[in-house]
Amino acid sequence: MMNEAEHHGIEPEPRARPCPSAIDGMLHIYRIVSGIALIDFERSVKGELLDLAEKACQGCVLLIHFLQYYYSTLDKISLAVSC
């Protein structure tokens, strides 16, 4: 039986659906691009964290040297006062 569109000579509009392989291809490209973006993001974060850790360690070393100097000076002062 003909539907009304066919009866009036109008061809029905084809229902266009993307081919499953095209969808798989787009998902594959998306995964690659997002994976590369994630790797770049992780590298930049790791780089920033390593820089911060290095600066913090340099700060800690300076703080330790300062405290050693400070306490050795205090020890010398306390020895001089006690004598």
Protein backbone atom coordinates (compact mmCIF):
# COMPACT_ATOMS: atom_id res chain seq x y z
CA MET A 1 0.00 0.00 0.00
CA MET A 2 1.32 3.46 -0.90
CA ASN A 3 1.57 6.16 1.70
CA GLU A 4 0.24 9.64 0.98
CA ALA A 5 3.61 11.14 -0.02
CA GLU A 6 4.23 8.40 -2.58
CA HIS A 7 0.66 8.74 -3.83
CA HIS A 8 1.24 12.42 -4.70
CA GLY A 9 4.53 11.69 -6.44
CA ILE A 10 6.70 13.02 -3.61
CA GLU A 11 9.65 10.84 -2.85
CA PRO A 12 10.06 10.23 0.85
CA GLU A 13 13.10 11.87 2.37
CA PRO A 14 15.75 9.28 3.12
CA ARG A 15 16.54 8.89 6.75
CA ALA A 16 20.19 9.68 6.91
CA ARG A 17 22.02 8.03 9.72
CA PRO A 18 25.76 8.12 10.04
CA CYS A 19 27.49 4.95 9.12
CA PRO A 20 28.62 3.03 12.23
CA SER A 21 32.17 2.95 10.88
CA ALA A 22 32.10 6.76 10.57
CA ILE A 23 30.96 7.05 14.19
CA ASP A 24 33.70 4.63 15.27
CA GLY A 25 36.23 6.67 13.30
CA MET A 26 35.11 9.92 14.91
CA LEU A 27 35.24 8.35 18.38
CA HIS A 28 38.70 6.98 17.64
CA ILE A 29 39.92 10.44 16.55
CA TYR A 30 38.29 11.99 19.63
CA ARG A 31 40.05 9.49 21.90
CA ILE A 32 43.40 10.19 20.25
CA VAL A 33 42.99 13.98 20.46
CA SER A 34 41.73 13.91 24.04
CA GLY A 35 44.50 11.45 24.96
CA ILE A 36 47.14 13.76 23.52
CA ALA A 37 45.57 16.71 25.34
CA LEU A 38 45.56 14.71 28.58
CA ILE A 39 49.20 13.71 28.13
CA ASP A 40 50.19 17.34 27.45
CA PHE A 41 48.18 18.46 30.48
CA GLU A 42 49.81 15.82 32.70
CA ARG A 43 53.26 16.78 31.45
CA SER A 44 52.64 20.46 32.11
CA VAL A 45 51.24 19.73 35.58
CA LYS A 46 54.13 17.40 36.38
CA GLY A 47 56.56 20.04 35.14
CA GLU A 48 54.94 22.71 37.29
CA LEU A 49 54.89 20.41 40.31
CA LEU A 50 58.53 19.47 39.80
CA ASP A 51 59.48 23.15 39.51
CA LEU A 52 57.54 23.94 42.69
CA ALA A 53 59.12 21.00 44.50
CA GLU A 54 62.58 22.07 43.38
CA LYS A 55 61.98 25.64 44.53
CA ALA A 56 60.53 24.39 47.81
CA CYS A 57 63.55 22.17 48.36
CA GLN A 58 65.88 25.08 47.69
CA GLY A 59 63.84 27.10 50.17
CA CYS A 60 64.02 24.29 52.71
CA VAL A 61 67.78 24.04 52.30
CA LEU A 62 68.11 27.78 52.85
CA LEU A 63 65.80 27.59 55.85
CA ILE A 64 67.80 24.70 57.32
CA HIS A 65 71.07 26.61 56.83
CA PHE A 66 69.54 29.71 58.42
CA LEU A 67 68.22 27.71 61.39
CA GLN A 68 71.57 25.99 61.86
CA TYR A 69 73.30 29.36 61.81
CA TYR A 70 70.65 30.87 64.10
CA TYR A 71 70.86 28.05 66.66
CA SER A 72 74.65 27.92 66.56
CA THR A 73 74.67 31.68 67.19
CA LEU A 74 72.21 31.20 70.07
CA ASP A 75 74.43 28.47 71.51
CA LYS A 76 77.45 30.79 71.33
CA ILE A 77 75.48 33.60 72.98
CA SER A 78 74.19 31.31 75.73
CA LEU A 79 77.71 30.00 76.34
CA ALA A 80 79.04 33.56 76.55
CA VAL A 81 76.27 34.60 78.94
CA SER A 82 76.69 31.55 81.17
CA CYS A 83 80.44 32.11 81.56
